[in-house]
Amino acid sequence: MTQLIIRFIVGGLFVSAFALIGSMLKPKSFAGLFGAAPSVALATLALTISKDGKAYAAMEARSMVAGAAALFIYCVLVMLLLKPTRLRTLAATSSTLAVWLGVAIAMWWGFLK
């Protein structure tokens, strides 16, 4: 139960800090972007370091970077499919899921193994 309370407090502090930083930037839509992934990732890494040590946290950080890179490639492909071809959103996103999975597995295999 104590671990859950610590996670709640640390996660809330990171999310609040990043949302505050994001709200100071223009456009205001950055607040949501900064309040989500970076803050949760840093909170997770901080808790992982305290519980499992730096070596395990380093492996987790590499996993986060690989996942973010795969997501970036997925987003670019979806954008390229949606803009010029006027493909439906469901078709564009579902057809590129295999690419995301392939990139994520390739990065895991290459960097993390």
N, C-alpha and C. Protein backbone atom coordinates (compact mmCIF):
# COMPACT_ATOMS: atom_id res chain seq x y z
N MET A 1 0.83 -1.19 0.00
CA MET A 1 0.00 0.00 0.00
C MET A 1 0.87 1.26 0.00
N THR A 2 2.00 1.22 0.71
CA THR A 2 2.90 2.37 0.77
C THR A 2 3.47 2.66 -0.62
N GLN A 3 3.82 1.62 -1.36
CA GLN A 3 4.36 1.79 -2.72
C GLN A 3 3.34 2.48 -3.61
N LEU A 4 2.08 2.15 -3.47
CA LEU A 4 1.01 2.76 -4.27
C LEU A 4 0.88 4.24 -3.94
N ILE A 5 0.96 4.60 -2.69
CA ILE A 5 0.86 6.00 -2.29
C ILE A 5 2.06 6.79 -2.81
N ILE A 6 3.25 6.20 -2.74
CA ILE A 6 4.44 6.88 -3.26
C ILE A 6 4.31 7.09 -4.77
N ARG A 7 3.85 6.07 -5.48
CA ARG A 7 3.64 6.20 -6.93
C ARG A 7 2.66 7.32 -7.24
N PHE A 8 1.60 7.39 -6.48
CA PHE A 8 0.58 8.42 -6.68
C PHE A 8 1.17 9.81 -6.49
N ILE A 9 1.93 10.00 -5.43
CA ILE A 9 2.49 11.32 -5.12
C ILE A 9 3.56 11.71 -6.15
N VAL A 10 4.50 10.81 -6.43
CA VAL A 10 5.56 11.12 -7.38
C VAL A 10 4.98 11.35 -8.78
N GLY A 11 4.07 10.50 -9.20
CA GLY A 11 3.44 10.67 -10.51
C GLY A 11 2.69 11.98 -10.60
N GLY A 12 1.95 12.32 -9.57
CA GLY A 12 1.20 13.58 -9.55
C GLY A 12 2.11 14.79 -9.60
N LEU A 13 3.22 14.73 -8.89
CA LEU A 13 4.17 15.85 -8.91
C LEU A 13 4.78 16.05 -10.29
N PHE A 14 5.19 14.96 -10.93
CA PHE A 14 5.77 15.07 -12.27
C PHE A 14 4.75 15.56 -13.29
N VAL A 15 3.54 15.02 -13.25
CA VAL A 15 2.50 15.44 -14.19
C VAL A 15 2.19 16.93 -13.98
N SER A 16 2.06 17.35 -12.75
CA SER A 16 1.76 18.75 -12.46
C SER A 16 2.88 19.68 -12.93
N ALA A 17 4.12 19.29 -12.69
CA ALA A 17 5.26 20.12 -13.10
C ALA A 17 5.32 20.25 -14.61
N PHE A 18 5.15 19.16 -15.32
CA PHE A 18 5.20 19.22 -16.78
C PHE A 18 3.99 19.96 -17.36
N ALA A 19 2.83 19.82 -16.75
CA ALA A 19 1.66 20.57 -17.21
C ALA A 19 1.86 22.06 -17.01
N LEU A 20 2.50 22.44 -15.91
CA LEU A 20 2.80 23.85 -15.66
C LEU A 20 3.78 24.39 -16.71
N ILE A 21 4.81 23.62 -17.00
CA ILE A 21 5.77 24.04 -18.03
C ILE A 21 5.07 24.15 -19.38
N GLY A 22 4.24 23.17 -19.71
CA GLY A 22 3.52 23.19 -20.98
C GLY A 22 2.55 24.34 -21.09
N SER A 23 1.93 24.75 -19.98
CA SER A 23 0.96 25.85 -20.04
C SER A 23 1.65 27.20 -20.27
N MET A 24 2.95 27.27 -20.02
CA MET A 24 3.68 28.52 -20.26
C MET A 24 4.09 28.66 -21.72
N LEU A 25 4.00 27.58 -22.48
CA LEU A 25 4.41 27.61 -23.89
C LEU A 25 3.23 27.95 -24.79
N LYS A 26 3.55 28.39 -25.98
CA LYS A 26 2.52 28.66 -26.98
C LYS A 26 2.64 27.61 -28.06
N PRO A 27 1.65 27.04 -28.61
CA PRO A 27 0.23 27.12 -28.24
C PRO A 27 -0.05 26.33 -26.97
N LYS A 28 -1.20 26.57 -26.40
CA LYS A 28 -1.57 25.94 -25.13
C LYS A 28 -1.76 24.43 -25.26
N SER A 29 -1.85 23.91 -26.46
CA SER A 29 -2.01 22.47 -26.64
C SER A 29 -0.77 21.71 -26.18
N PHE A 30 0.36 22.39 -26.01
CA PHE A 30 1.56 21.75 -25.49
C PHE A 30 1.38 21.29 -24.05
N ALA A 31 0.46 21.92 -23.32
CA ALA A 31 0.26 21.56 -21.92
C ALA A 31 -0.13 20.09 -21.80
N GLY A 32 -1.02 19.64 -22.64
CA GLY A 32 -1.42 18.23 -22.61
C GLY A 32 -0.30 17.31 -23.03
N LEU A 33 0.46 17.73 -24.03
CA LEU A 33 1.58 16.93 -24.51
C LEU A 33 2.65 16.78 -23.44
N PHE A 34 3.00 17.87 -22.78
CA PHE A 34 4.01 17.80 -21.75
C PHE A 34 3.50 17.16 -20.47
N GLY A 35 2.19 17.22 -20.24
CA GLY A 35 1.64 16.64 -19.02
C GLY A 35 1.51 15.14 -19.08
N ALA A 36 1.67 14.57 -20.26
CA ALA A 36 1.42 13.13 -20.41
C ALA A 36 2.71 12.31 -20.39
N ALA A 37 3.23 12.00 -21.55
CA ALA A 37 4.31 11.03 -21.68
C ALA A 37 5.59 11.36 -20.92
N PRO A 38 6.16 12.57 -21.05
CA PRO A 38 7.43 12.80 -20.35
C PRO A 38 7.31 12.70 -18.84
N SER A 39 6.24 13.22 -18.30
CA SER A 39 6.09 13.21 -16.85
C SER A 39 5.89 11.80 -16.32
N VAL A 40 5.09 11.03 -17.01
CA VAL A 40 4.85 9.65 -16.57
C VAL A 40 6.13 8.82 -16.71
N ALA A 41 6.87 9.04 -17.79
CA ALA A 41 8.12 8.30 -17.99
C ALA A 41 9.13 8.64 -16.90
N LEU A 42 9.27 9.91 -16.58
CA LEU A 42 10.22 10.29 -15.54
C LEU A 42 9.80 9.78 -14.16
N ALA A 43 8.52 9.82 -13.88
CA ALA A 43 8.04 9.29 -12.60
C ALA A 43 8.31 7.79 -12.52
N THR A 44 8.04 7.09 -13.61
CA THR A 44 8.29 5.65 -13.64
C THR A 44 9.77 5.35 -13.44
N LEU A 45 10.62 6.11 -14.12
CA LEU A 45 12.06 5.88 -13.98
C LEU A 45 12.55 6.19 -12.56
N ALA A 46 12.03 7.24 -11.97
CA ALA A 46 12.43 7.58 -10.60
C ALA A 46 12.05 6.47 -9.63
N LEU A 47 10.85 5.95 -9.78
CA LEU A 47 10.41 4.86 -8.91
C LEU A 47 11.18 3.57 -9.19
N THR A 48 11.50 3.34 -10.45
CA THR A 48 12.26 2.14 -10.82
C THR A 48 13.67 2.19 -10.25
N ILE A 49 14.29 3.36 -10.30
CA ILE A 49 15.63 3.50 -9.73
C ILE A 49 15.60 3.23 -8.23
N SER A 50 14.60 3.77 -7.56
CA SER A 50 14.55 3.57 -6.10
C SER A 50 14.23 2.14 -5.72
N LYS A 51 13.49 1.43 -6.56
CA LYS A 51 13.10 0.06 -6.22
C LYS A 51 14.08 -0.99 -6.76
N ASP A 52 14.47 -0.85 -8.04
CA ASP A 52 15.23 -1.92 -8.71
C ASP A 52 16.66 -1.54 -9.08
N GLY A 53 17.04 -0.28 -8.91
CA GLY A 53 18.41 0.12 -9.21
C GLY A 53 18.58 0.77 -10.57
N LYS A 54 19.75 1.33 -10.77
CA LYS A 54 20.03 2.10 -11.98
C LYS A 54 20.14 1.24 -13.23
N ALA A 55 20.70 0.05 -13.12
CA ALA A 55 20.87 -0.81 -14.30
C ALA A 55 19.52 -1.20 -14.89
N TYR A 56 18.59 -1.58 -14.04
CA TYR A 56 17.26 -1.95 -14.52
C TYR A 56 16.53 -0.73 -15.08
N ALA A 57 16.70 0.42 -14.44
CA ALA A 57 16.06 1.64 -14.93
C ALA A 57 16.63 2.04 -16.29
N ALA A 58 17.93 1.80 -16.51
CA ALA A 58 18.54 2.11 -17.81
C ALA A 58 17.92 1.25 -18.91
N MET A 59 17.66 -0.02 -18.60
CA MET A 59 17.00 -0.89 -19.57
C MET A 59 15.58 -0.40 -19.85
N GLU A 60 14.88 0.03 -18.82
CA GLU A 60 13.54 0.57 -19.00
C GLU A 60 13.56 1.85 -19.83
N ALA A 61 14.55 2.69 -19.62
CA ALA A 61 14.67 3.93 -20.40
C ALA A 61 14.91 3.63 -21.87
N ARG A 62 15.75 2.65 -22.15
CA ARG A 62 15.97 2.25 -23.55
C ARG A 62 14.68 1.72 -24.17
N SER A 63 13.91 1.00 -23.40
CA SER A 63 12.63 0.51 -23.89
C SER A 63 11.69 1.66 -24.22
N MET A 64 11.70 2.68 -23.38
CA MET A 64 10.85 3.85 -23.62
C MET A 64 11.27 4.59 -24.89
N VAL A 65 12.57 4.71 -25.10
CA VAL A 65 13.07 5.38 -26.30
C VAL A 65 12.70 4.58 -27.54
N ALA A 66 12.84 3.27 -27.49
CA ALA A 66 12.48 2.43 -28.63
C ALA A 66 10.98 2.54 -28.92
N GLY A 67 10.17 2.52 -27.90
CA GLY A 67 8.73 2.66 -28.08
C GLY A 67 8.35 4.01 -28.65
N ALA A 68 9.02 5.07 -28.19
CA ALA A 68 8.75 6.41 -28.70
C ALA A 68 9.16 6.53 -30.17
N ALA A 69 10.28 5.94 -30.54
CA ALA A 69 10.72 5.98 -31.94
C ALA A 69 9.74 5.23 -32.83
N ALA A 70 9.29 4.08 -32.39
CA ALA A 70 8.31 3.32 -33.17
C ALA A 70 7.00 4.09 -33.30
N LEU A 71 6.58 4.75 -32.24
CA LEU A 71 5.36 5.56 -32.29
C LEU A 71 5.52 6.74 -33.23
N PHE A 72 6.70 7.37 -33.23
CA PHE A 72 6.96 8.49 -34.13
C PHE A 72 6.85 8.05 -35.59
N ILE A 73 7.46 6.93 -35.92
CA ILE A 73 7.39 6.42 -37.30
C ILE A 73 5.95 6.10 -37.67
N TYR A 74 5.22 5.49 -36.75
CA TYR A 74 3.80 5.19 -36.97
C TYR A 74 3.01 6.47 -37.25
N CYS A 75 3.23 7.51 -36.44
CA CYS A 75 2.50 8.76 -36.61
C CYS A 75 2.82 9.43 -37.94
N VAL A 76 4.08 9.41 -38.33
CA VAL A 76 4.46 10.00 -39.61
C VAL A 76 3.80 9.25 -40.76
N LEU A 77 3.79 7.92 -40.70
CA LEU A 77 3.15 7.14 -41.75
C LEU A 77 1.65 7.41 -41.83
N VAL A 78 1.00 7.49 -40.69
CA VAL A 78 -0.44 7.78 -40.68
C VAL A 78 -0.69 9.15 -41.28
N MET A 79 0.12 10.13 -40.90
CA MET A 79 -0.03 11.48 -41.44
C MET A 79 0.16 11.48 -42.97
N LEU A 80 1.16 10.75 -43.44
CA LEU A 80 1.40 10.69 -44.88
C LEU A 80 0.27 10.00 -45.61
N LEU A 81 -0.37 9.03 -44.98
CA LEU A 81 -1.49 8.35 -45.61
C LEU A 81 -2.76 9.21 -45.60
N LEU A 82 -2.97 9.94 -44.55
CA LEU A 82 -4.21 10.71 -44.42
C LEU A 82 -4.22 11.96 -45.29
N LYS A 83 -3.12 12.65 -45.34
CA LYS A 83 -3.12 13.94 -46.00
C LYS A 83 -3.35 13.87 -47.52
N PRO A 84 -2.48 13.22 -48.28
CA PRO A 84 -2.69 13.28 -49.73
C PRO A 84 -3.75 12.31 -50.26
N THR A 85 -3.93 11.17 -49.61
CA THR A 85 -4.82 10.17 -50.17
C THR A 85 -6.25 10.28 -49.68
N ARG A 86 -6.47 11.06 -48.63
CA ARG A 86 -7.79 11.20 -48.01
C ARG A 86 -8.36 9.85 -47.60
N LEU A 87 -7.46 8.98 -47.18
CA LEU A 87 -7.84 7.67 -46.68
C LEU A 87 -8.60 7.86 -45.38
N ARG A 88 -9.54 6.99 -45.10
CA ARG A 88 -10.29 7.09 -43.85
C ARG A 88 -9.35 6.83 -42.68
N THR A 89 -9.66 7.46 -41.58
CA THR A 89 -8.79 7.40 -40.41
C THR A 89 -8.62 5.98 -39.91
N LEU A 90 -9.69 5.23 -39.81
CA LEU A 90 -9.60 3.85 -39.33
C LEU A 90 -8.73 3.00 -40.24
N ALA A 91 -8.87 3.18 -41.54
CA ALA A 91 -8.06 2.41 -42.48
C ALA A 91 -6.58 2.78 -42.38
N ALA A 92 -6.29 4.07 -42.25
CA ALA A 92 -4.89 4.51 -42.16
C ALA A 92 -4.24 4.03 -40.88
N THR A 93 -4.92 4.16 -39.76
CA THR A 93 -4.32 3.77 -38.49
C THR A 93 -4.19 2.27 -38.35
N SER A 94 -5.20 1.53 -38.77
CA SER A 94 -5.11 0.08 -38.62
C SER A 94 -4.14 -0.55 -39.62
N SER A 95 -3.99 0.04 -40.78
CA SER A 95 -3.07 -0.55 -41.76
C SER A 95 -1.61 -0.31 -41.39
N THR A 96 -1.33 0.69 -40.60
CA THR A 96 0.06 0.96 -40.22
C THR A 96 0.43 0.37 -38.86
N LEU A 97 -0.50 -0.28 -38.19
CA LEU A 97 -0.17 -0.92 -36.91
C LEU A 97 0.89 -1.99 -37.07
N ALA A 98 0.85 -2.71 -38.18
CA ALA A 98 1.86 -3.74 -38.42
C ALA A 98 3.25 -3.11 -38.56
N VAL A 99 3.32 -1.92 -39.16
CA VAL A 99 4.60 -1.23 -39.29
C VAL A 99 5.10 -0.84 -37.90
N TRP A 100 4.21 -0.30 -37.07
CA TRP A 100 4.60 0.07 -35.70
C TRP A 100 5.14 -1.15 -34.95
N LEU A 101 4.42 -2.26 -35.05
CA LEU A 101 4.85 -3.47 -34.36
C LEU A 101 6.21 -3.95 -34.88
N GLY A 102 6.38 -3.91 -36.19
CA GLY A 102 7.65 -4.33 -36.78
C GLY A 102 8.81 -3.46 -36.33
N VAL A 103 8.60 -2.15 -36.32
CA VAL A 103 9.66 -1.22 -35.89
C VAL A 103 9.96 -1.43 -34.41
N ALA A 104 8.93 -1.58 -33.60
CA ALA A 104 9.14 -1.78 -32.16
C ALA A 104 9.91 -3.07 -31.88
N ILE A 105 9.56 -4.14 -32.57
CA ILE A 105 10.26 -5.41 -32.38
C ILE A 105 11.70 -5.32 -32.88
N ALA A 106 11.89 -4.67 -34.03
CA ALA A 106 13.25 -4.52 -34.57
C ALA A 106 14.13 -3.70 -33.63
N MET A 107 13.56 -2.63 -33.07
CA MET A 107 14.35 -1.81 -32.14
C MET A 107 14.63 -2.58 -30.85
N TRP A 108 13.65 -3.31 -30.38
CA TRP A 108 13.88 -4.12 -29.18
C TRP A 108 14.97 -5.14 -29.45
N TRP A 109 14.89 -5.80 -30.59
CA TRP A 109 15.86 -6.84 -30.94
C TRP A 109 17.25 -6.23 -31.09
N GLY A 110 17.33 -5.05 -31.73
CA GLY A 110 18.63 -4.45 -32.00
C GLY A 110 19.26 -3.75 -30.81
N PHE A 111 18.47 -3.05 -30.03
CA PHE A 111 19.02 -2.21 -28.97
C PHE A 111 18.95 -2.84 -27.59
N LEU A 112 17.96 -3.64 -27.36
CA LEU A 112 17.70 -4.08 -26.00
C LEU A 112 18.17 -5.48 -25.70
N LYS A 113 18.38 -6.26 -26.71
CA LYS A 113 18.72 -7.66 -26.49
C LYS A 113 20.16 -7.86 -26.20
